[in-house]
Amino acid sequence: MASDCVFCKIVKGEILSKKVYEDDKILAFHDINPAADVHIILIPKKHIDNLTKINKSHQNLLFGMLKVADNLSVKLTPKKFRIVFNGGSLLVVQHLHLHLLGGNLGKNAKWD
């Protein structure tokens, strides 16, 4: 865990979050600045800086994150949803994460 990482602090319980899913490897919680009606962040509990730092050993973790996102989409936003992995300079928090977006998007966002 990175001591200055906001998501690592959420994993450790130092920063509160509105959790929607948790297991031994993955945590999912509501984004504090949602870009859609449903905006969930999914993170690995183990700190990985970003997509450029993944390797073959992470394949089960990444599949698990996608499967959790899919399962949450069925419960939270069954009609349409988007799963987004950002990378590089797009990451506000340097900790691998994905966004599950559903329902109505913000006024400047598009589904296509």
C-alpha atoms as a PDB file:
ATOM      1  CA  MET A   1       0.000   0.000   0.000  1.00  0.00           C
ATOM      2  CA  ALA A   2       1.155   3.493  -0.764  1.00  0.00           C
ATOM      3  CA  SER A   3       0.986   5.692   2.327  1.00  0.00           C
ATOM      4  CA  ASP A   4      -0.162   8.816   0.445  1.00  0.00           C
ATOM      5  CA  CYS A   5      -2.671   7.056  -1.865  1.00  0.00           C
ATOM      6  CA  VAL A   6      -6.313   8.040  -1.281  1.00  0.00           C
ATOM      7  CA  PHE A   7      -7.592   4.636  -2.445  1.00  0.00           C
ATOM      8  CA  CYS A   8      -5.161   2.787  -0.159  1.00  0.00           C
ATOM      9  CA  LYS A   9      -6.461   4.916   2.722  1.00  0.00           C
ATOM     10  CA  ILE A  10     -10.020   3.902   1.776  1.00  0.00           C
ATOM     11  CA  VAL A  11      -8.972   0.225   1.781  1.00  0.00           C
ATOM     12  CA  LYS A  12      -7.438   0.664   5.258  1.00  0.00           C
ATOM     13  CA  GLY A  13     -10.557   2.439   6.546  1.00  0.00           C
ATOM     14  CA  GLU A  14      -8.740   5.722   7.136  1.00  0.00           C
ATOM     15  CA  ILE A  15     -11.109   7.472   4.711  1.00  0.00           C
ATOM     16  CA  LEU A  16     -14.785   6.562   4.728  1.00  0.00           C
ATOM     17  CA  SER A  17     -16.519   5.384   1.584  1.00  0.00           C
ATOM     18  CA  LYS A  18     -19.986   4.184   0.646  1.00  0.00           C
ATOM     19  CA  LYS A  19     -19.085   0.574  -0.142  1.00  0.00           C
ATOM     20  CA  VAL A  20     -21.171  -1.537  -2.500  1.00  0.00           C
ATOM     21  CA  TYR A  21     -18.885  -4.587  -2.687  1.00  0.00           C
ATOM     22  CA  GLU A  22     -15.859  -5.964  -0.882  1.00  0.00           C
ATOM     23  CA  ASP A  23     -13.910  -9.203  -0.885  1.00  0.00           C
ATOM     24  CA  ASP A  24     -10.316 -10.066  -0.019  1.00  0.00           C
ATOM     25  CA  LYS A  25      -8.918  -8.544  -3.249  1.00  0.00           C
ATOM     26  CA  ILE A  26     -11.425  -5.957  -4.545  1.00  0.00           C
ATOM     27  CA  LEU A  27     -13.317  -2.993  -3.123  1.00  0.00           C
ATOM     28  CA  ALA A  28     -16.135  -1.124  -4.874  1.00  0.00           C
ATOM     29  CA  PHE A  29     -17.637   2.139  -3.656  1.00  0.00           C
ATOM     30  CA  HIS A  30     -19.628   5.141  -4.870  1.00  0.00           C
ATOM     31  CA  ASP A  31     -17.601   7.926  -6.488  1.00  0.00           C
ATOM     32  CA  ILE A  32     -17.761  11.143  -4.443  1.00  0.00           C
ATOM     33  CA  ASN A  33     -18.024  13.204  -7.638  1.00  0.00           C
ATOM     34  CA  PRO A  34     -20.349  11.107  -9.824  1.00  0.00           C
ATOM     35  CA  ALA A  35     -20.389  11.566 -13.603  1.00  0.00           C
ATOM     36  CA  ALA A  36     -23.608   9.539 -13.967  1.00  0.00           C
ATOM     37  CA  ASP A  37     -26.646   8.438 -11.964  1.00  0.00           C
ATOM     38  CA  VAL A  38     -24.641   5.358 -10.966  1.00  0.00           C
ATOM     39  CA  HIS A  39     -20.887   5.878 -10.638  1.00  0.00           C
ATOM     40  CA  ILE A  40     -18.988   3.141  -8.842  1.00  0.00           C
ATOM     41  CA  ILE A  41     -15.201   2.915  -8.474  1.00  0.00           C
ATOM     42  CA  LEU A  42     -13.665  -0.569  -8.331  1.00  0.00           C
ATOM     43  CA  ILE A  43     -10.126  -0.941  -7.034  1.00  0.00           C
ATOM     44  CA  PRO A  44      -7.759  -3.745  -6.193  1.00  0.00           C
ATOM     45  CA  LYS A  45      -6.956  -3.706  -2.489  1.00  0.00           C
ATOM     46  CA  LYS A  46      -3.300  -4.191  -3.362  1.00  0.00           C
ATOM     47  CA  HIS A  47      -1.747  -0.973  -4.655  1.00  0.00           C
ATOM     48  CA  ILE A  48      -0.946  -1.069  -8.373  1.00  0.00           C
ATOM     49  CA  ASP A  49      -0.063   2.353  -9.799  1.00  0.00           C
ATOM     50  CA  ASN A  50      -1.916   2.048 -13.113  1.00  0.00           C
ATOM     51  CA  LEU A  51      -2.527  -0.108 -16.183  1.00  0.00           C
ATOM     52  CA  THR A  52       1.081   0.260 -17.345  1.00  0.00           C
ATOM     53  CA  LYS A  53       2.214  -1.591 -14.202  1.00  0.00           C
ATOM     54  CA  ILE A  54       0.130  -4.725 -14.731  1.00  0.00           C
ATOM     55  CA  ASN A  55       1.562  -8.025 -15.887  1.00  0.00           C
ATOM     56  CA  LYS A  56       0.417 -11.596 -16.429  1.00  0.00           C
ATOM     57  CA  SER A  57       0.243 -12.196 -12.666  1.00  0.00           C
ATOM     58  CA  HIS A  58      -2.628  -9.663 -12.489  1.00  0.00           C
ATOM     59  CA  GLN A  59      -4.896 -11.406 -15.011  1.00  0.00           C
ATOM     60  CA  ASN A  60      -7.134 -13.058 -12.376  1.00  0.00           C
ATOM     61  CA  LEU A  61      -7.448  -9.791 -10.473  1.00  0.00           C
ATOM     62  CA  LEU A  62      -8.420  -7.867 -13.612  1.00  0.00           C
ATOM     63  CA  PHE A  63     -10.934 -10.527 -14.616  1.00  0.00           C
ATOM     64  CA  GLY A  64     -12.329 -10.413 -11.074  1.00  0.00           C
ATOM     65  CA  MET A  65     -12.727  -6.629 -11.251  1.00  0.00           C
ATOM     66  CA  LEU A  66     -14.572  -6.900 -14.567  1.00  0.00           C
ATOM     67  CA  LYS A  67     -16.812  -9.687 -13.241  1.00  0.00           C
ATOM     68  CA  VAL A  68     -17.676  -7.683 -10.113  1.00  0.00           C
ATOM     69  CA  ALA A  69     -18.440  -4.641 -12.302  1.00  0.00           C
ATOM     70  CA  ASP A  70     -20.696  -6.797 -14.482  1.00  0.00           C
ATOM     71  CA  ASN A  71     -22.516  -8.226 -11.441  1.00  0.00           C
ATOM     72  CA  LEU A  72     -22.981  -4.743  -9.956  1.00  0.00           C
ATOM     73  CA  SER A  73     -24.270  -3.427 -13.272  1.00  0.00           C
ATOM     74  CA  VAL A  74     -27.076  -6.007 -13.226  1.00  0.00           C
ATOM     75  CA  LYS A  75     -28.099  -4.849  -9.738  1.00  0.00           C
ATOM     76  CA  LEU A  76     -27.530  -1.105 -10.039  1.00  0.00           C
ATOM     77  CA  THR A  77     -27.979  -0.136 -13.681  1.00  0.00           C
ATOM     78  CA  PRO A  78     -29.382  -2.996 -15.763  1.00  0.00           C
ATOM     79  CA  LYS A  79     -30.412  -1.113 -18.928  1.00  0.00           C
ATOM     80  CA  LYS A  80     -27.116   0.403 -19.992  1.00  0.00           C
ATOM     81  CA  PHE A  81     -23.729   0.834 -18.448  1.00  0.00           C
ATOM     82  CA  ARG A  82     -20.142   1.639 -19.272  1.00  0.00           C
ATOM     83  CA  ILE A  83     -16.942   0.291 -17.742  1.00  0.00           C
ATOM     84  CA  VAL A  84     -13.975   2.648 -18.069  1.00  0.00           C
ATOM     85  CA  PHE A  85     -10.301   2.070 -17.275  1.00  0.00           C
ATOM     86  CA  ASN A  86      -8.341   5.317 -17.365  1.00  0.00           C
ATOM     87  CA  GLY A  87      -4.585   5.379 -17.651  1.00  0.00           C
ATOM     88  CA  GLY A  88      -1.589   7.670 -17.711  1.00  0.00           C
ATOM     89  CA  SER A  89      -2.281  11.342 -17.108  1.00  0.00           C
ATOM     90  CA  LEU A  90      -6.052  10.701 -16.949  1.00  0.00           C
ATOM     91  CA  LEU A  91      -5.645   9.132 -13.509  1.00  0.00           C
ATOM     92  CA  VAL A  92      -6.459  11.598 -10.757  1.00  0.00           C
ATOM     93  CA  VAL A  93      -5.522   8.943  -8.187  1.00  0.00           C
ATOM     94  CA  GLN A  94      -2.470   6.867  -9.105  1.00  0.00           C
ATOM     95  CA  HIS A  95      -4.011   3.531  -8.134  1.00  0.00           C
ATOM     96  CA  LEU A  96      -5.415   1.119 -10.711  1.00  0.00           C
ATOM     97  CA  HIS A  97      -9.190   1.471 -10.830  1.00  0.00           C
ATOM     98  CA  LEU A  98     -12.171   1.232 -13.089  1.00  0.00           C
ATOM     99  CA  HIS A  99     -15.378   3.215 -13.268  1.00  0.00           C
ATOM    100  CA  LEU A 100     -18.805   1.619 -13.595  1.00  0.00           C
ATOM    101  CA  LEU A 101     -21.154   4.249 -15.035  1.00  0.00           C
ATOM    102  CA  GLY A 102     -24.865   3.779 -15.580  1.00  0.00           C
ATOM    103  CA  GLY A 103     -28.174   5.531 -15.909  1.00  0.00           C
ATOM    104  CA  ASN A 104     -28.112   9.109 -17.116  1.00  0.00           C
ATOM    105  CA  LEU A 105     -24.662  10.527 -17.709  1.00  0.00           C
ATOM    106  CA  GLY A 106     -23.651  14.067 -16.819  1.00  0.00           C
ATOM    107  CA  LYS A 107     -24.814  16.802 -19.176  1.00  0.00           C
ATOM    108  CA  ASN A 108     -21.607  16.860 -21.252  1.00  0.00           C
ATOM    109  CA  ALA A 109     -21.116  13.089 -21.472  1.00  0.00           C
ATOM    110  CA  LYS A 110     -22.257  10.826 -24.309  1.00  0.00           C
ATOM    111  CA  TRP A 111     -22.816   7.086 -24.490  1.00  0.00           C
ATOM    112  CA  ASP A 112     -21.204   6.776 -27.935  1.00  0.00           C
END
